[in-house]
Amino acid sequence: MAPGADRDIGESLLRRNKRKATTRPMQTVATWVRRQPPMVKAFLAVVSWLGALFFLGMVVHDQDNLFVLAEVFDSIGTSS
């Protein structure tokens, strides 16, 4: 082995460990969800859906505005 080979291996391991240490929280959550069994994923989907409905119910006071906003986004999506 060359005299500087040990140092090169150590540096590459250090770089690889730094790359692993800088994973983003959303990436960690996405990986965790991907590894879950289908029943857990279904449960998480239902809970997320109910949470979104609850959030909309708390935020939206006038459903007419929500309808107009949905129509605007629909027309944008249709035109592009």
PDB file of N, CA and C in Angstrom:
ATOM      1  N   MET A   1       0.839  -1.181   0.000  1.00  0.00           N
ATOM      2  CA  MET A   1       0.000   0.000   0.000  1.00  0.00           C
ATOM      3  C   MET A   1       0.882   1.242   0.000  1.00  0.00           C
ATOM      4  N   ALA A   2       0.445   2.272  -0.656  1.00  0.00           N
ATOM      5  CA  ALA A   2       1.203   3.521  -0.742  1.00  0.00           C
ATOM      6  C   ALA A   2       1.200   4.218   0.608  1.00  0.00           C
ATOM      7  N   PRO A   3       2.201   5.059   0.869  1.00  0.00           N
ATOM      8  CA  PRO A   3       2.294   5.722   2.177  1.00  0.00           C
ATOM      9  C   PRO A   3       1.077   6.584   2.525  1.00  0.00           C
ATOM     10  N   GLY A   4       0.451   7.224   1.575  1.00  0.00           N
ATOM     11  CA  GLY A   4      -0.679   8.097   1.882  1.00  0.00           C
ATOM     12  C   GLY A   4      -2.031   7.423   1.700  1.00  0.00           C
ATOM     13  N   ALA A   5      -2.060   6.112   1.443  1.00  0.00           N
ATOM     14  CA  ALA A   5      -3.319   5.417   1.147  1.00  0.00           C
ATOM     15  C   ALA A   5      -4.226   5.369   2.372  1.00  0.00           C
ATOM     16  N   ASP A   6      -3.659   5.178   3.554  1.00  0.00           N
ATOM     17  CA  ASP A   6      -4.481   5.137   4.763  1.00  0.00           C
ATOM     18  C   ASP A   6      -5.200   6.464   4.981  1.00  0.00           C
ATOM     19  N   ARG A   7      -4.490   7.542   4.711  1.00  0.00           N
ATOM     20  CA  ARG A   7      -5.095   8.848   4.887  1.00  0.00           C
ATOM     21  C   ARG A   7      -6.221   9.077   3.872  1.00  0.00           C
ATOM     22  N   ASP A   8      -6.032   8.624   2.627  1.00  0.00           N
ATOM     23  CA  ASP A   8      -7.061   8.771   1.599  1.00  0.00           C
ATOM     24  C   ASP A   8      -8.314   7.995   1.976  1.00  0.00           C
ATOM     25  N   ILE A   9      -8.134   6.784   2.494  1.00  0.00           N
ATOM     26  CA  ILE A   9      -9.285   5.975   2.897  1.00  0.00           C
ATOM     27  C   ILE A   9     -10.005   6.653   4.053  1.00  0.00           C
ATOM     28  N   GLY A  10      -9.263   7.168   5.005  1.00  0.00           N
ATOM     29  CA  GLY A  10      -9.869   7.853   6.141  1.00  0.00           C
ATOM     30  C   GLY A  10     -10.639   9.092   5.722  1.00  0.00           C
ATOM     31  N   GLU A  11     -10.083   9.842   4.777  1.00  0.00           N
ATOM     32  CA  GLU A  11     -10.773  11.039   4.297  1.00  0.00           C
ATOM     33  C   GLU A  11     -12.064  10.692   3.570  1.00  0.00           C
ATOM     34  N   SER A  12     -12.031   9.623   2.761  1.00  0.00           N
ATOM     35  CA  SER A  12     -13.257   9.259   2.042  1.00  0.00           C
ATOM     36  C   SER A  12     -14.325   8.769   3.016  1.00  0.00           C
ATOM     37  N   LEU A  13     -13.922   8.042   4.066  1.00  0.00           N
ATOM     38  CA  LEU A  13     -14.892   7.606   5.074  1.00  0.00           C
ATOM     39  C   LEU A  13     -15.475   8.803   5.818  1.00  0.00           C
ATOM     40  N   LEU A  14     -14.629   9.779   6.108  1.00  0.00           N
ATOM     41  CA  LEU A  14     -15.094  10.977   6.800  1.00  0.00           C
ATOM     42  C   LEU A  14     -16.090  11.741   5.930  1.00  0.00           C
ATOM     43  N   ARG A  15     -15.802  11.850   4.618  1.00  0.00           N
ATOM     44  CA  ARG A  15     -16.725  12.531   3.720  1.00  0.00           C
ATOM     45  C   ARG A  15     -18.051  11.786   3.643  1.00  0.00           C
ATOM     46  N   ARG A  16     -18.006  10.459   3.588  1.00  0.00           N
ATOM     47  CA  ARG A  16     -19.232   9.667   3.511  1.00  0.00           C
ATOM     48  C   ARG A  16     -20.047   9.841   4.789  1.00  0.00           C
ATOM     49  N   ASN A  17     -19.391   9.858   5.949  1.00  0.00           N
ATOM     50  CA  ASN A  17     -20.112  10.044   7.208  1.00  0.00           C
ATOM     51  C   ASN A  17     -20.716  11.442   7.297  1.00  0.00           C
ATOM     52  N   LYS A  18     -20.022  12.449   6.793  1.00  0.00           N
ATOM     53  CA  LYS A  18     -20.569  13.801   6.794  1.00  0.00           C
ATOM     54  C   LYS A  18     -21.803  13.862   5.915  1.00  0.00           C
ATOM     55  N   ARG A  19     -21.761  13.175   4.771  1.00  0.00           N
ATOM     56  CA  ARG A  19     -22.901  13.181   3.873  1.00  0.00           C
ATOM     57  C   ARG A  19     -24.104  12.524   4.541  1.00  0.00           C
ATOM     58  N   LYS A  20     -23.883  11.442   5.264  1.00  0.00           N
ATOM     59  CA  LYS A  20     -24.983  10.788   5.959  1.00  0.00           C
ATOM     60  C   LYS A  20     -25.514  11.656   7.095  1.00  0.00           C
ATOM     61  N   ALA A  21     -24.655  12.390   7.750  1.00  0.00           N
ATOM     62  CA  ALA A  21     -25.062  13.190   8.902  1.00  0.00           C
ATOM     63  C   ALA A  21     -25.903  14.392   8.481  1.00  0.00           C
ATOM     64  N   THR A  22     -25.816  14.793   7.218  1.00  0.00           N
ATOM     65  CA  THR A  22     -26.545  15.983   6.788  1.00  0.00           C
ATOM     66  C   THR A  22     -27.857  15.633   6.091  1.00  0.00           C
ATOM     67  N   THR A  23     -28.451  14.485   6.402  1.00  0.00           N
ATOM     68  CA  THR A  23     -29.736  14.163   5.782  1.00  0.00           C
ATOM     69  C   THR A  23     -30.790  15.124   6.294  1.00  0.00           C
ATOM     70  N   ARG A  24     -31.701  15.463   5.428  1.00  0.00           N
ATOM     71  CA  ARG A  24     -32.749  16.414   5.777  1.00  0.00           C
ATOM     72  C   ARG A  24     -33.852  15.714   6.556  1.00  0.00           C
ATOM     73  N   PRO A  25     -34.524  16.428   7.436  1.00  0.00           N
ATOM     74  CA  PRO A  25     -35.598  15.814   8.220  1.00  0.00           C
ATOM     75  C   PRO A  25     -36.710  15.227   7.352  1.00  0.00           C
ATOM     76  N   MET A  26     -37.085  15.919   6.278  1.00  0.00           N
ATOM     77  CA  MET A  26     -38.139  15.397   5.403  1.00  0.00           C
ATOM     78  C   MET A  26     -37.702  14.108   4.724  1.00  0.00           C
ATOM     79  N   GLN A  27     -36.415  14.028   4.370  1.00  0.00           N
ATOM     80  CA  GLN A  27     -35.892  12.802   3.758  1.00  0.00           C
ATOM     81  C   GLN A  27     -35.935  11.666   4.763  1.00  0.00           C
ATOM     82  N   THR A  28     -35.640  11.952   6.008  1.00  0.00           N
ATOM     83  CA  THR A  28     -35.691  10.930   7.051  1.00  0.00           C
ATOM     84  C   THR A  28     -37.117  10.438   7.253  1.00  0.00           C
ATOM     85  N   VAL A  29     -38.076  11.353   7.273  1.00  0.00           N
ATOM     86  CA  VAL A  29     -39.483  10.972   7.440  1.00  0.00           C
ATOM     87  C   VAL A  29     -39.960  10.166   6.240  1.00  0.00           C
ATOM     88  N   ALA A  30     -39.600  10.604   5.023  1.00  0.00           N
ATOM     89  CA  ALA A  30     -40.016   9.886   3.813  1.00  0.00           C
ATOM     90  C   ALA A  30     -39.449   8.471   3.796  1.00  0.00           C
ATOM     91  N   THR A  31     -38.207   8.322   4.211  1.00  0.00           N
ATOM     92  CA  THR A  31     -37.605   6.988   4.273  1.00  0.00           C
ATOM     93  C   THR A  31     -38.310   6.131   5.312  1.00  0.00           C
ATOM     94  N   TRP A  32     -38.644   6.726   6.443  1.00  0.00           N
ATOM     95  CA  TRP A  32     -39.338   5.967   7.488  1.00  0.00           C
ATOM     96  C   TRP A  32     -40.711   5.506   7.005  1.00  0.00           C
ATOM     97  N   VAL A  33     -41.446   6.401   6.326  1.00  0.00           N
ATOM     98  CA  VAL A  33     -42.774   6.043   5.826  1.00  0.00           C
ATOM     99  C   VAL A  33     -42.663   4.949   4.771  1.00  0.00           C
ATOM    100  N   ARG A  34     -41.667   5.040   3.881  1.00  0.00           N
ATOM    101  CA  ARG A  34     -41.491   4.036   2.837  1.00  0.00           C
ATOM    102  C   ARG A  34     -41.255   2.652   3.419  1.00  0.00           C
ATOM    103  N   ARG A  35     -40.615   2.587   4.569  1.00  0.00           N
ATOM    104  CA  ARG A  35     -40.289   1.295   5.182  1.00  0.00           C
ATOM    105  C   ARG A  35     -41.440   0.694   5.988  1.00  0.00           C
ATOM    106  N   GLN A  36     -42.508   1.439   6.172  1.00  0.00           N
ATOM    107  CA  GLN A  36     -43.626   0.948   6.974  1.00  0.00           C
ATOM    108  C   GLN A  36     -44.492  -0.011   6.163  1.00  0.00           C
ATOM    109  N   PRO A  37     -45.175  -0.942   6.862  1.00  0.00           N
ATOM    110  CA  PRO A  37     -46.086  -1.849   6.160  1.00  0.00           C
ATOM    111  C   PRO A  37     -47.300  -1.094   5.598  1.00  0.00           C
ATOM    112  N   PRO A  38     -47.996  -1.694   4.627  1.00  0.00           N
ATOM    113  CA  PRO A  38     -49.120  -1.003   3.985  1.00  0.00           C
ATOM    114  C   PRO A  38     -50.217  -0.555   4.954  1.00  0.00           C
ATOM    115  N   MET A  39     -50.487  -1.315   5.984  1.00  0.00           N
ATOM    116  CA  MET A  39     -51.540  -0.921   6.936  1.00  0.00           C
ATOM    117  C   MET A  39     -51.170   0.371   7.671  1.00  0.00           C
ATOM    118  N   VAL A  40     -49.920   0.519   8.035  1.00  0.00           N
ATOM    119  CA  VAL A  40     -49.471   1.732   8.720  1.00  0.00           C
ATOM    120  C   VAL A  40     -49.542   2.917   7.756  1.00  0.00           C
ATOM    121  N   LYS A  41     -49.160   2.691   6.488  1.00  0.00           N
ATOM    122  CA  LYS A  41     -49.242   3.761   5.494  1.00  0.00           C
ATOM    123  C   LYS A  41     -50.691   4.199   5.291  1.00  0.00           C
ATOM    124  N   ALA A  42     -51.607   3.245   5.254  1.00  0.00           N
ATOM    125  CA  ALA A  42     -53.028   3.578   5.097  1.00  0.00           C
ATOM    126  C   ALA A  42     -53.527   4.377   6.298  1.00  0.00           C
ATOM    127  N   PHE A  43     -53.138   3.963   7.492  1.00  0.00           N
ATOM    128  CA  PHE A  43     -53.525   4.687   8.700  1.00  0.00           C
ATOM    129  C   PHE A  43     -52.978   6.118   8.671  1.00  0.00           C
ATOM    130  N   LEU A  44     -51.714   6.274   8.290  1.00  0.00           N
ATOM    131  CA  LEU A  44     -51.123   7.610   8.214  1.00  0.00           C
ATOM    132  C   LEU A  44     -51.827   8.471   7.165  1.00  0.00           C
ATOM    133  N   ALA A  45     -52.239   7.859   6.055  1.00  0.00           N
ATOM    134  CA  ALA A  45     -52.954   8.604   5.017  1.00  0.00           C
ATOM    135  C   ALA A  45     -54.301   9.093   5.535  1.00  0.00           C
ATOM    136  N   VAL A  46     -55.025   8.232   6.249  1.00  0.00           N
ATOM    137  CA  VAL A  46     -56.341   8.619   6.781  1.00  0.00           C
ATOM    138  C   VAL A  46     -56.190   9.712   7.836  1.00  0.00           C
ATOM    139  N   VAL A  47     -55.218   9.569   8.712  1.00  0.00           N
ATOM    140  CA  VAL A  47     -54.994  10.580   9.750  1.00  0.00           C
ATOM    141  C   VAL A  47     -54.586  11.914   9.117  1.00  0.00           C
ATOM    142  N   SER A  48     -53.740  11.868   8.082  1.00  0.00           N
ATOM    143  CA  SER A  48     -53.336  13.106   7.395  1.00  0.00           C
ATOM    144  C   SER A  48     -54.526  13.770   6.722  1.00  0.00           C
ATOM    145  N   TRP A  49     -55.386  12.961   6.092  1.00  0.00           N
ATOM    146  CA  TRP A  49     -56.575  13.481   5.421  1.00  0.00           C
ATOM    147  C   TRP A  49     -57.516  14.151   6.424  1.00  0.00           C
ATOM    148  N   LEU A  50     -57.739  13.485   7.555  1.00  0.00           N
ATOM    149  CA  LEU A  50     -58.600  14.073   8.580  1.00  0.00           C
ATOM    150  C   LEU A  50     -57.985  15.352   9.157  1.00  0.00           C
ATOM    151  N   GLY A  51     -56.677  15.356   9.337  1.00  0.00           N
ATOM    152  CA  GLY A  51     -56.003  16.557   9.822  1.00  0.00           C
ATOM    153  C   GLY A  51     -56.119  17.712   8.845  1.00  0.00           C
ATOM    154  N   ALA A  52     -56.018  17.408   7.539  1.00  0.00           N
ATOM    155  CA  ALA A  52     -56.170  18.460   6.526  1.00  0.00           C
ATOM    156  C   ALA A  52     -57.593  19.010   6.526  1.00  0.00           C
ATOM    157  N   LEU A  53     -58.582  18.131   6.653  1.00  0.00           N
ATOM    158  CA  LEU A  53     -59.969  18.597   6.713  1.00  0.00           C
ATOM    159  C   LEU A  53     -60.215  19.459   7.948  1.00  0.00           C
ATOM    160  N   PHE A  54     -59.674  19.040   9.075  1.00  0.00           N
ATOM    161  CA  PHE A  54     -59.812  19.819  10.304  1.00  0.00           C
ATOM    162  C   PHE A  54     -59.157  21.187  10.148  1.00  0.00           C
ATOM    163  N   PHE A  55     -57.955  21.203   9.559  1.00  0.00           N
ATOM    164  CA  PHE A  55     -57.239  22.460   9.345  1.00  0.00           C
ATOM    165  C   PHE A  55     -58.039  23.393   8.437  1.00  0.00           C
ATOM    166  N   LEU A  56     -58.579  22.841   7.344  1.00  0.00           N
ATOM    167  CA  LEU A  56     -59.391  23.669   6.446  1.00  0.00           C
ATOM    168  C   LEU A  56     -60.639  24.193   7.155  1.00  0.00           C
ATOM    169  N   GLY A  57     -61.244  23.352   7.976  1.00  0.00           N
ATOM    170  CA  GLY A  57     -62.426  23.789   8.714  1.00  0.00           C
ATOM    171  C   GLY A  57     -62.114  24.913   9.685  1.00  0.00           C
ATOM    172  N   MET A  58     -60.924  24.906  10.263  1.00  0.00           N
ATOM    173  CA  MET A  58     -60.537  25.960  11.197  1.00  0.00           C
ATOM    174  C   MET A  58     -60.147  27.251  10.467  1.00  0.00           C
ATOM    175  N   VAL A  59     -59.553  27.127   9.284  1.00  0.00           N
ATOM    176  CA  VAL A  59     -59.018  28.299   8.591  1.00  0.00           C
ATOM    177  C   VAL A  59     -60.065  28.971   7.707  1.00  0.00           C
ATOM    178  N   VAL A  60     -60.842  28.164   6.982  1.00  0.00           N
ATOM    179  CA  VAL A  60     -61.784  28.722   6.008  1.00  0.00           C
ATOM    180  C   VAL A  60     -63.092  29.053   6.710  1.00  0.00           C
ATOM    181  N   HIS A  61     -63.443  30.325   6.690  1.00  0.00           N
ATOM    182  CA  HIS A  61     -64.685  30.753   7.328  1.00  0.00           C
ATOM    183  C   HIS A  61     -65.795  30.966   6.300  1.00  0.00           C
ATOM    184  N   ASP A  62     -65.392  31.223   5.058  1.00  0.00           N
ATOM    185  CA  ASP A  62     -66.369  31.438   3.993  1.00  0.00           C
ATOM    186  C   ASP A  62     -66.067  30.454   2.869  1.00  0.00           C
ATOM    187  N   GLN A  63     -66.926  29.460   2.669  1.00  0.00           N
ATOM    188  CA  GLN A  63     -66.673  28.426   1.680  1.00  0.00           C
ATOM    189  C   GLN A  63     -66.703  28.963   0.257  1.00  0.00           C
ATOM    190  N   ASP A  64     -67.337  30.081   0.046  1.00  0.00           N
ATOM    191  CA  ASP A  64     -67.370  30.672  -1.298  1.00  0.00           C
ATOM    192  C   ASP A  64     -65.966  31.041  -1.761  1.00  0.00           C
ATOM    193  N   ASN A  65     -65.168  31.601  -0.860  1.00  0.00           N
ATOM    194  CA  ASN A  65     -63.791  31.942  -1.207  1.00  0.00           C
ATOM    195  C   ASN A  65     -62.988  30.699  -1.559  1.00  0.00           C
ATOM    196  N   LEU A  66     -63.202  29.624  -0.834  1.00  0.00           N
ATOM    197  CA  LEU A  66     -62.502  28.370  -1.120  1.00  0.00           C
ATOM    198  C   LEU A  66     -62.906  27.840  -2.493  1.00  0.00           C
ATOM    199  N   PHE A  67     -64.187  27.940  -2.832  1.00  0.00           N
ATOM    200  CA  PHE A  67     -64.665  27.489  -4.130  1.00  0.00           C
ATOM    201  C   PHE A  67     -64.032  28.309  -5.254  1.00  0.00           C
ATOM    202  N   VAL A  68     -63.979  29.628  -5.082  1.00  0.00           N
ATOM    203  CA  VAL A  68     -63.380  30.493  -6.103  1.00  0.00           C
ATOM    204  C   VAL A  68     -61.905  30.174  -6.267  1.00  0.00           C
ATOM    205  N   LEU A  69     -61.206  29.961  -5.177  1.00  0.00           N
ATOM    206  CA  LEU A  69     -59.785  29.623  -5.233  1.00  0.00           C
ATOM    207  C   LEU A  69     -59.567  28.289  -5.947  1.00  0.00           C
ATOM    208  N   ALA A  70     -60.409  27.309  -5.673  1.00  0.00           N
ATOM    209  CA  ALA A  70     -60.306  26.011  -6.345  1.00  0.00           C
ATOM    210  C   ALA A  70     -60.546  26.158  -7.838  1.00  0.00           C
ATOM    211  N   GLU A  71     -61.497  26.986  -8.224  1.00  0.00           N
ATOM    212  CA  GLU A  71     -61.771  27.211  -9.641  1.00  0.00           C
ATOM    213  C   GLU A  71     -60.607  27.909 -10.328  1.00  0.00           C
ATOM    214  N   VAL A  72     -59.965  28.846  -9.636  1.00  0.00           N
ATOM    215  CA  VAL A  72     -58.807  29.537 -10.209  1.00  0.00           C
ATOM    216  C   VAL A  72     -57.680  28.544 -10.464  1.00  0.00           C
ATOM    217  N   PHE A  73     -57.381  27.712  -9.494  1.00  0.00           N
ATOM    218  CA  PHE A  73     -56.316  26.722  -9.672  1.00  0.00           C
ATOM    219  C   PHE A  73     -56.681  25.702 -10.744  1.00  0.00           C
ATOM    220  N   ASP A  74     -57.947  25.340 -10.840  1.00  0.00           N
ATOM    221  CA  ASP A  74     -58.386  24.419 -11.877  1.00  0.00           C
ATOM    222  C   ASP A  74     -58.193  25.034 -13.260  1.00  0.00           C
ATOM    223  N   SER A  75     -58.540  26.297 -13.409  1.00  0.00           N
ATOM    224  CA  SER A  75     -58.373  26.948 -14.722  1.00  0.00           C
ATOM    225  C   SER A  75     -56.898  27.113 -15.074  1.00  0.00           C
ATOM    226  N   ILE A  76     -56.061  27.380 -14.086  1.00  0.00           N
ATOM    227  CA  ILE A  76     -54.611  27.473 -14.332  1.00  0.00           C
ATOM    228  C   ILE A  76     -54.073  26.121 -14.794  1.00  0.00           C
ATOM    229  N   GLY A  77     -54.510  25.064 -14.127  1.00  0.00           N
ATOM    230  CA  GLY A  77     -54.051  23.737 -14.502  1.00  0.00           C
ATOM    231  C   GLY A  77     -54.552  23.317 -15.875  1.00  0.00           C
ATOM    232  N   THR A  78     -55.756  23.706 -16.219  1.00  0.00           N
ATOM    233  CA  THR A  78     -56.319  23.359 -17.518  1.00  0.00           C
ATOM    234  C   THR A  78     -55.641  24.122 -18.643  1.00  0.00           C
ATOM    235  N   SER A  79     -55.280  25.379 -18.395  1.00  0.00           N
ATOM    236  CA  SER A  79     -54.680  26.202 -19.446  1.00  0.00           C
ATOM    237  C   SER A  79     -53.222  25.863 -19.709  1.00  0.00           C
ATOM    238  N   SER A  80     -52.540  25.246 -18.759  1.00  0.00           N
ATOM    239  CA  SER A  80     -51.118  24.961 -19.007  1.00  0.00           C
ATOM    240  C   SER A  80     -50.876  23.608 -19.589  1.00  0.00           C
TER     241      SER A  80
END
